[in-house]
């Protein structure tokens, strides 16, 4: 099974760092802002102070998701495409900001909904079966993660529709969970990939492995061991 390249690790780590850092810095720039009741979209809304900070964070995080989706070679292609699609939708949220007073445009709502849906469901479509599959891509783990993220999304939706006082907190919890899971999958894929030489030797019983090497002439033994590395 193919592994995840180093640049996929960087993008997976950067996504939650930029997202959380972006909404923290953007909130600090507002004259009066409550992160528990105020949404992340409000930080990039028309009329917000230095709205470019959160808008830029949306774009960078989306790019990180795209790079991570390209790097997740052990995952199913369908799941990777859904992750990339959700990332693009999230980037388009920045292109259609909310209006002053918290009223979002129709495109803003549509792209935000598509982005949340893609980032919530992609783990299930990316999962694979098999003993060699990293734990982050196993169907039972993916199903549990999707169920948890869906529950958090329902909480955010209820707060948003009912005008609750924790809508900002709910949105941040959902966003943080969605940003953290690609990193968890990348870590599981990187740690599950054994060295090829080690796997080839440990796949044989100890006596067979020793005999397989010692039975060869000295020059052949060196070549065989080198080829496994």
C-alpha atoms as a PDB file:
ATOM      1  CA  UNK A   1       0.000   0.000   0.000  1.00  0.00           C
ATOM      2  CA  UNK A   2       1.381   3.399  -0.958  1.00  0.00           C
ATOM      3  CA  UNK A   3       2.294   5.793   1.834  1.00  0.00           C
ATOM      4  CA  UNK A   4       1.700   9.493   2.402  1.00  0.00           C
ATOM      5  CA  UNK A   5       4.525  11.772   1.191  1.00  0.00           C
ATOM      6  CA  UNK A   6       6.152  14.325   3.491  1.00  0.00           C
ATOM      7  CA  UNK A   7       4.349  17.269   1.920  1.00  0.00           C
ATOM      8  CA  UNK A   8       1.034  15.685   2.857  1.00  0.00           C
ATOM      9  CA  UNK A   9       2.122  15.682   6.488  1.00  0.00           C
ATOM     10  CA  UNK A  10       2.926  19.391   6.317  1.00  0.00           C
ATOM     11  CA  UNK A  11      -0.458  20.277   4.800  1.00  0.00           C
ATOM     12  CA  UNK A  12      -2.322  18.111   7.325  1.00  0.00           C
ATOM     13  CA  UNK A  13      -0.556  19.794  10.247  1.00  0.00           C
ATOM     14  CA  UNK A  14      -0.981  23.285   8.777  1.00  0.00           C
ATOM     15  CA  UNK A  15      -4.771  23.062   8.296  1.00  0.00           C
ATOM     16  CA  UNK A  16      -5.857  23.047  11.978  1.00  0.00           C
ATOM     17  CA  UNK A  17      -3.047  25.437  12.948  1.00  0.00           C
ATOM     18  CA  UNK A  18      -4.055  28.018  10.339  1.00  0.00           C
ATOM     19  CA  UNK A  19      -7.794  27.587  10.989  1.00  0.00           C
ATOM     20  CA  UNK A  20      -7.600  27.981  14.769  1.00  0.00           C
ATOM     21  CA  UNK A  21      -4.916  30.624  14.548  1.00  0.00           C
ATOM     22  CA  UNK A  22      -6.888  32.516  11.908  1.00  0.00           C
ATOM     23  CA  UNK A  23     -10.119  32.770  13.864  1.00  0.00           C
ATOM     24  CA  UNK A  24      -8.208  33.607  17.059  1.00  0.00           C
ATOM     25  CA  UNK A  25      -6.285  36.474  15.471  1.00  0.00           C
ATOM     26  CA  UNK A  26      -9.322  37.724  13.544  1.00  0.00           C
ATOM     27  CA  UNK A  27     -11.469  37.717  16.703  1.00  0.00           C
ATOM     28  CA  UNK A  28      -8.810  39.680  18.570  1.00  0.00           C
ATOM     29  CA  UNK A  29      -8.902  42.389  15.895  1.00  0.00           C
ATOM     30  CA  UNK A  30     -12.621  43.033  16.327  1.00  0.00           C
ATOM     31  CA  UNK A  31     -13.614  45.831  18.728  1.00  0.00           C
ATOM     32  CA  UNK A  32     -16.387  43.755  20.323  1.00  0.00           C
ATOM     33  CA  UNK A  33     -16.618  40.061  19.542  1.00  0.00           C
ATOM     34  CA  UNK A  34     -17.738  37.047  21.544  1.00  0.00           C
ATOM     35  CA  UNK A  35     -16.279  33.828  20.073  1.00  0.00           C
ATOM     36  CA  UNK A  36     -18.926  31.757  21.860  1.00  0.00           C
ATOM     37  CA  UNK A  37     -21.882  33.475  20.206  1.00  0.00           C
ATOM     38  CA  UNK A  38     -20.195  34.982  17.133  1.00  0.00           C
ATOM     39  CA  UNK A  39     -19.653  32.847  14.026  1.00  0.00           C
ATOM     40  CA  UNK A  40     -16.409  32.431  12.149  1.00  0.00           C
ATOM     41  CA  UNK A  41     -18.110  33.767   9.028  1.00  0.00           C
ATOM     42  CA  UNK A  42     -18.786  37.022  10.883  1.00  0.00           C
ATOM     43  CA  UNK A  43     -15.025  37.548  11.123  1.00  0.00           C
ATOM     44  CA  UNK A  44     -14.850  37.631   7.322  1.00  0.00           C
ATOM     45  CA  UNK A  45     -18.149  39.459   6.826  1.00  0.00           C
ATOM     46  CA  UNK A  46     -18.419  42.723   4.956  1.00  0.00           C
ATOM     47  CA  UNK A  47     -17.685  45.501   7.423  1.00  0.00           C
ATOM     48  CA  UNK A  48     -15.670  43.369   9.847  1.00  0.00           C
ATOM     49  CA  UNK A  49     -12.339  44.773  11.013  1.00  0.00           C
ATOM     50  CA  UNK A  50      -9.493  43.365   8.938  1.00  0.00           C
ATOM     51  CA  UNK A  51     -11.811  40.819   7.366  1.00  0.00           C
ATOM     52  CA  UNK A  52      -8.982  39.745   5.056  1.00  0.00           C
ATOM     53  CA  UNK A  53      -7.405  37.801   7.947  1.00  0.00           C
ATOM     54  CA  UNK A  54     -10.210  35.253   8.196  1.00  0.00           C
ATOM     55  CA  UNK A  55     -10.783  35.282   4.445  1.00  0.00           C
ATOM     56  CA  UNK A  56      -7.125  34.419   3.863  1.00  0.00           C
ATOM     57  CA  UNK A  57      -7.338  31.695   6.521  1.00  0.00           C
ATOM     58  CA  UNK A  58     -10.303  30.135   4.674  1.00  0.00           C
ATOM     59  CA  UNK A  59      -8.281  30.036   1.455  1.00  0.00           C
ATOM     60  CA  UNK A  60      -5.100  28.639   3.038  1.00  0.00           C
ATOM     61  CA  UNK A  61      -6.995  25.956   4.950  1.00  0.00           C
ATOM     62  CA  UNK A  62      -8.795  24.969   1.754  1.00  0.00           C
ATOM     63  CA  UNK A  63      -5.488  24.658  -0.077  1.00  0.00           C
ATOM     64  CA  UNK A  64      -4.140  22.518   2.777  1.00  0.00           C
ATOM     65  CA  UNK A  65      -7.133  20.167   2.483  1.00  0.00           C
ATOM     66  CA  UNK A  66      -6.578  19.890  -1.265  1.00  0.00           C
ATOM     67  CA  UNK A  67      -2.896  19.027  -0.827  1.00  0.00           C
ATOM     68  CA  UNK A  68      -3.747  16.523   1.904  1.00  0.00           C
ATOM     69  CA  UNK A  69      -6.373  14.926  -0.337  1.00  0.00           C
ATOM     70  CA  UNK A  70      -3.793  14.509  -3.093  1.00  0.00           C
ATOM     71  CA  UNK A  71      -1.298  13.044  -0.623  1.00  0.00           C
ATOM     72  CA  UNK A  72      -3.667  10.492   0.957  1.00  0.00           C
ATOM     73  CA  UNK A  73      -2.717   7.726  -1.458  1.00  0.00           C
ATOM     74  CA  UNK A  74      -3.780   4.863   0.850  1.00  0.00           C
ATOM     75  CA  UNK A  75      -7.370   6.206   0.882  1.00  0.00           C
ATOM     76  CA  UNK A  76     -10.042   5.461  -1.709  1.00  0.00           C
ATOM     77  CA  UNK A  77     -10.166   7.939  -4.557  1.00  0.00           C
ATOM     78  CA  UNK A  78     -13.830   8.788  -3.930  1.00  0.00           C
ATOM     79  CA  UNK A  79     -13.119   9.973  -0.407  1.00  0.00           C
ATOM     80  CA  UNK A  80     -10.126  11.993  -1.520  1.00  0.00           C
ATOM     81  CA  UNK A  81     -12.204  13.738  -4.186  1.00  0.00           C
ATOM     82  CA  UNK A  82     -14.953  14.529  -1.669  1.00  0.00           C
ATOM     83  CA  UNK A  83     -12.355  16.032   0.689  1.00  0.00           C
ATOM     84  CA  UNK A  84     -10.989  18.160  -2.146  1.00  0.00           C
ATOM     85  CA  UNK A  85     -14.504  19.199  -3.196  1.00  0.00           C
ATOM     86  CA  UNK A  86     -15.359  20.212   0.369  1.00  0.00           C
ATOM     87  CA  UNK A  87     -12.146  22.213   0.514  1.00  0.00           C
ATOM     88  CA  UNK A  88     -12.978  24.104  -2.677  1.00  0.00           C
ATOM     89  CA  UNK A  89     -16.457  24.861  -1.352  1.00  0.00           C
ATOM     90  CA  UNK A  90     -14.928  26.185   1.858  1.00  0.00           C
ATOM     91  CA  UNK A  91     -12.655  28.472  -0.130  1.00  0.00           C
ATOM     92  CA  UNK A  92     -15.650  29.816  -2.035  1.00  0.00           C
ATOM     93  CA  UNK A  93     -17.212  30.811   1.288  1.00  0.00           C
ATOM     94  CA  UNK A  94     -14.577  33.534   1.454  1.00  0.00           C
ATOM     95  CA  UNK A  95     -15.582  34.729  -2.016  1.00  0.00           C
ATOM     96  CA  UNK A  96     -19.207  35.204  -0.884  1.00  0.00           C
ATOM     97  CA  UNK A  97     -18.987  36.765   2.600  1.00  0.00           C
ATOM     98  CA  UNK A  98     -21.824  37.520   4.965  1.00  0.00           C
ATOM     99  CA  UNK A  99     -23.437  40.947   4.879  1.00  0.00           C
ATOM    100  CA  UNK A 100     -23.336  43.280   7.890  1.00  0.00           C
ATOM    101  CA  UNK A 101     -25.624  42.131  10.690  1.00  0.00           C
ATOM    102  CA  UNK A 102     -24.986  38.439  10.137  1.00  0.00           C
ATOM    103  CA  UNK A 103     -27.107  38.007   7.013  1.00  0.00           C
ATOM    104  CA  UNK A 104     -25.361  35.742   4.565  1.00  0.00           C
ATOM    105  CA  UNK A 105     -25.912  35.689   0.852  1.00  0.00           C
ATOM    106  CA  UNK A 106     -27.445  32.611  -0.777  1.00  0.00           C
ATOM    107  CA  UNK A 107     -24.110  31.552  -2.360  1.00  0.00           C
ATOM    108  CA  UNK A 108     -22.454  31.871   1.054  1.00  0.00           C
ATOM    109  CA  UNK A 109     -24.998  29.513   2.602  1.00  0.00           C
ATOM    110  CA  UNK A 110     -24.827  27.061  -0.318  1.00  0.00           C
ATOM    111  CA  UNK A 111     -21.028  26.816  -0.404  1.00  0.00           C
ATOM    112  CA  UNK A 112     -20.807  26.607   3.384  1.00  0.00           C
ATOM    113  CA  UNK A 113     -23.340  23.751   3.404  1.00  0.00           C
ATOM    114  CA  UNK A 114     -21.467  21.864   0.669  1.00  0.00           C
ATOM    115  CA  UNK A 115     -18.181  22.396   2.477  1.00  0.00           C
ATOM    116  CA  UNK A 116     -19.519  21.114   5.795  1.00  0.00           C
ATOM    117  CA  UNK A 117     -21.121  18.106   4.091  1.00  0.00           C
ATOM    118  CA  UNK A 118     -17.943  17.151   2.249  1.00  0.00           C
ATOM    119  CA  UNK A 119     -15.657  17.552   5.250  1.00  0.00           C
ATOM    120  CA  UNK A 120     -18.074  15.557   7.412  1.00  0.00           C
ATOM    121  CA  UNK A 121     -18.663  12.556   5.135  1.00  0.00           C
ATOM    122  CA  UNK A 122     -15.351  12.058   3.314  1.00  0.00           C
ATOM    123  CA  UNK A 123     -13.855   9.636   5.900  1.00  0.00           C
ATOM    124  CA  UNK A 124     -16.518   7.020   5.144  1.00  0.00           C
ATOM    125  CA  UNK A 125     -15.926   7.226   1.383  1.00  0.00           C
ATOM    126  CA  UNK A 126     -12.166   7.098   1.905  1.00  0.00           C
ATOM    127  CA  UNK A 127     -12.213   3.964   4.060  1.00  0.00           C
ATOM    128  CA  UNK A 128     -10.870   0.605   2.903  1.00  0.00           C
ATOM    129  CA  UNK A 129     -11.073  -2.983   4.077  1.00  0.00           C
ATOM    130  CA  UNK A 130      -8.105  -5.210   4.749  1.00  0.00           C
ATOM    131  CA  UNK A 131      -5.627  -6.148   7.439  1.00  0.00           C
ATOM    132  CA  UNK A 132      -2.966  -3.794   6.082  1.00  0.00           C
ATOM    133  CA  UNK A 133      -5.240  -0.720   6.087  1.00  0.00           C
ATOM    134  CA  UNK A 134      -4.171   2.041   8.532  1.00  0.00           C
ATOM    135  CA  UNK A 135      -6.519   2.382  11.498  1.00  0.00           C
ATOM    136  CA  UNK A 136      -7.634   5.847  10.363  1.00  0.00           C
ATOM    137  CA  UNK A 137      -9.010   4.384   7.131  1.00  0.00           C
ATOM    138  CA  UNK A 138     -10.816   1.363   8.565  1.00  0.00           C
ATOM    139  CA  UNK A 139     -14.599   1.342   7.949  1.00  0.00           C
ATOM    140  CA  UNK A 140     -15.627   1.052  11.607  1.00  0.00           C
ATOM    141  CA  UNK A 141     -13.366   3.926  12.642  1.00  0.00           C
ATOM    142  CA  UNK A 142     -14.519   6.069   9.712  1.00  0.00           C
ATOM    143  CA  UNK A 143     -18.186   5.395  10.521  1.00  0.00           C
ATOM    144  CA  UNK A 144     -17.662   6.435  14.149  1.00  0.00           C
ATOM    145  CA  UNK A 145     -15.887   9.632  13.109  1.00  0.00           C
ATOM    146  CA  UNK A 146     -18.608  10.545  10.605  1.00  0.00           C
ATOM    147  CA  UNK A 147     -21.306   9.910  13.240  1.00  0.00           C
ATOM    148  CA  UNK A 148     -19.506  12.150  15.738  1.00  0.00           C
ATOM    149  CA  UNK A 149     -18.945  14.938  13.221  1.00  0.00           C
ATOM    150  CA  UNK A 150     -22.556  14.695  12.057  1.00  0.00           C
ATOM    151  CA  UNK A 151     -23.745  15.057  15.663  1.00  0.00           C
ATOM    152  CA  UNK A 152     -21.574  18.154  16.062  1.00  0.00           C
ATOM    153  CA  UNK A 153     -22.918  19.518  12.779  1.00  0.00           C
ATOM    154  CA  UNK A 154     -26.491  19.004  13.997  1.00  0.00           C
ATOM    155  CA  UNK A 155     -25.611  20.934  17.152  1.00  0.00           C
ATOM    156  CA  UNK A 156     -24.257  23.804  15.069  1.00  0.00           C
ATOM    157  CA  UNK A 157     -27.301  23.750  12.779  1.00  0.00           C
ATOM    158  CA  UNK A 158     -29.676  23.823  15.720  1.00  0.00           C
ATOM    159  CA  UNK A 159     -27.821  26.754  17.280  1.00  0.00           C
ATOM    160  CA  UNK A 160     -27.864  28.580  13.961  1.00  0.00           C
ATOM    161  CA  UNK A 161     -31.551  27.997  13.217  1.00  0.00           C
ATOM    162  CA  UNK A 162     -32.812  28.620  16.739  1.00  0.00           C
ATOM    163  CA  UNK A 163     -30.589  31.635  17.291  1.00  0.00           C
ATOM    164  CA  UNK A 164     -28.746  30.040  20.195  1.00  0.00           C
ATOM    165  CA  UNK A 165     -26.043  31.751  22.190  1.00  0.00           C
ATOM    166  CA  UNK A 166     -23.419  29.081  21.486  1.00  0.00           C
ATOM    167  CA  UNK A 167     -23.490  29.110  17.699  1.00  0.00           C
ATOM    168  CA  UNK A 168     -19.906  30.341  17.508  1.00  0.00           C
ATOM    169  CA  UNK A 169     -18.675  27.685  19.908  1.00  0.00           C
ATOM    170  CA  UNK A 170     -20.502  24.946  18.009  1.00  0.00           C
ATOM    171  CA  UNK A 171     -19.060  26.107  14.692  1.00  0.00           C
ATOM    172  CA  UNK A 172     -15.545  26.162  16.109  1.00  0.00           C
ATOM    173  CA  UNK A 173     -15.864  22.666  17.570  1.00  0.00           C
ATOM    174  CA  UNK A 174     -17.107  21.352  14.207  1.00  0.00           C
ATOM    175  CA  UNK A 175     -14.351  23.133  12.301  1.00  0.00           C
ATOM    176  CA  UNK A 176     -11.627  21.929  14.646  1.00  0.00           C
ATOM    177  CA  UNK A 177     -12.852  18.326  14.440  1.00  0.00           C
ATOM    178  CA  UNK A 178     -13.003  18.429  10.656  1.00  0.00           C
ATOM    179  CA  UNK A 179      -9.494  19.902  10.469  1.00  0.00           C
ATOM    180  CA  UNK A 180      -8.023  17.414  12.929  1.00  0.00           C
ATOM    181  CA  UNK A 181      -9.256  14.218  11.295  1.00  0.00           C
ATOM    182  CA  UNK A 182      -7.225  14.436   8.039  1.00  0.00           C
ATOM    183  CA  UNK A 183      -4.147  14.850  10.241  1.00  0.00           C
ATOM    184  CA  UNK A 184      -5.124  11.764  12.248  1.00  0.00           C
ATOM    185  CA  UNK A 185      -5.519   9.746   9.039  1.00  0.00           C
ATOM    186  CA  UNK A 186      -2.153  10.930   7.755  1.00  0.00           C
ATOM    187  CA  UNK A 187      -0.469   9.983  11.038  1.00  0.00           C
ATOM    188  CA  UNK A 188      -2.099   6.550  10.975  1.00  0.00           C
ATOM    189  CA  UNK A 189      -0.965   5.984   7.386  1.00  0.00           C
ATOM    190  CA  UNK A 190       2.592   7.104   8.099  1.00  0.00           C
ATOM    191  CA  UNK A 191       2.973   4.979  11.222  1.00  0.00           C
ATOM    192  CA  UNK A 192       1.337   1.901   9.661  1.00  0.00           C
ATOM    193  CA  UNK A 193       3.746   1.699   6.710  1.00  0.00           C
ATOM    194  CA  UNK A 194       6.515  -0.798   7.633  1.00  0.00           C
ATOM    195  CA  UNK A 195       9.914  -0.815   6.019  1.00  0.00           C
ATOM    196  CA  UNK A 196       9.899  -3.100   2.985  1.00  0.00           C
ATOM    197  CA  UNK A 197      13.008  -4.995   4.027  1.00  0.00           C
ATOM    198  CA  UNK A 198      11.685  -5.585   7.546  1.00  0.00           C
ATOM    199  CA  UNK A 199       8.312  -6.745   6.252  1.00  0.00           C
ATOM    200  CA  UNK A 200       9.905  -9.168   3.826  1.00  0.00           C
ATOM    201  CA  UNK A 201      12.119 -10.779   6.473  1.00  0.00           C
ATOM    202  CA  UNK A 202       9.557 -10.867   9.301  1.00  0.00           C
ATOM    203  CA  UNK A 203       7.011 -12.454   6.974  1.00  0.00           C
ATOM    204  CA  UNK A 204       9.100 -15.666   7.128  1.00  0.00           C
ATOM    205  CA  UNK A 205       9.639 -17.876  10.197  1.00  0.00           C
ATOM    206  CA  UNK A 206      12.966 -17.086  11.922  1.00  0.00           C
ATOM    207  CA  UNK A 207      14.663 -20.302  10.811  1.00  0.00           C
ATOM    208  CA  UNK A 208      13.513 -19.847   7.218  1.00  0.00           C
ATOM    209  CA  UNK A 209      14.706 -16.241   7.133  1.00  0.00           C
ATOM    210  CA  UNK A 210      18.164 -17.246   8.334  1.00  0.00           C
ATOM    211  CA  UNK A 211      18.331 -20.208   5.976  1.00  0.00           C
ATOM    212  CA  UNK A 212      17.169 -18.128   3.020  1.00  0.00           C
ATOM    213  CA  UNK A 213      20.128 -15.795   3.426  1.00  0.00           C
ATOM    214  CA  UNK A 214      22.839 -18.210   4.569  1.00  0.00           C
ATOM    215  CA  UNK A 215      21.964 -20.736   1.874  1.00  0.00           C
ATOM    216  CA  UNK A 216      23.145 -18.270  -0.748  1.00  0.00           C
ATOM    217  CA  UNK A 217      26.784 -17.692  -1.680  1.00  0.00           C
ATOM    218  CA  UNK A 218      28.345 -14.723   0.209  1.00  0.00           C
ATOM    219  CA  UNK A 219      28.079 -12.327  -2.729  1.00  0.00           C
ATOM    220  CA  UNK A 220      24.458 -13.330  -3.370  1.00  0.00           C
ATOM    221  CA  UNK A 221      23.597 -12.953   0.318  1.00  0.00           C
ATOM    222  CA  UNK A 222      24.859  -9.370   0.324  1.00  0.00           C
ATOM    223  CA  UNK A 223      22.895  -8.608  -2.837  1.00  0.00           C
ATOM    224  CA  UNK A 224      19.711 -10.142  -1.443  1.00  0.00           C
ATOM    225  CA  UNK A 225      19.908  -8.156   1.786  1.00  0.00           C
ATOM    226  CA  UNK A 226      20.697  -4.936  -0.088  1.00  0.00           C
ATOM    227  CA  UNK A 227      17.758  -5.433  -2.451  1.00  0.00           C
ATOM    228  CA  UNK A 228      15.354  -5.636   0.468  1.00  0.00           C
ATOM    229  CA  UNK A 229      16.356  -2.291   1.881  1.00  0.00           C
END
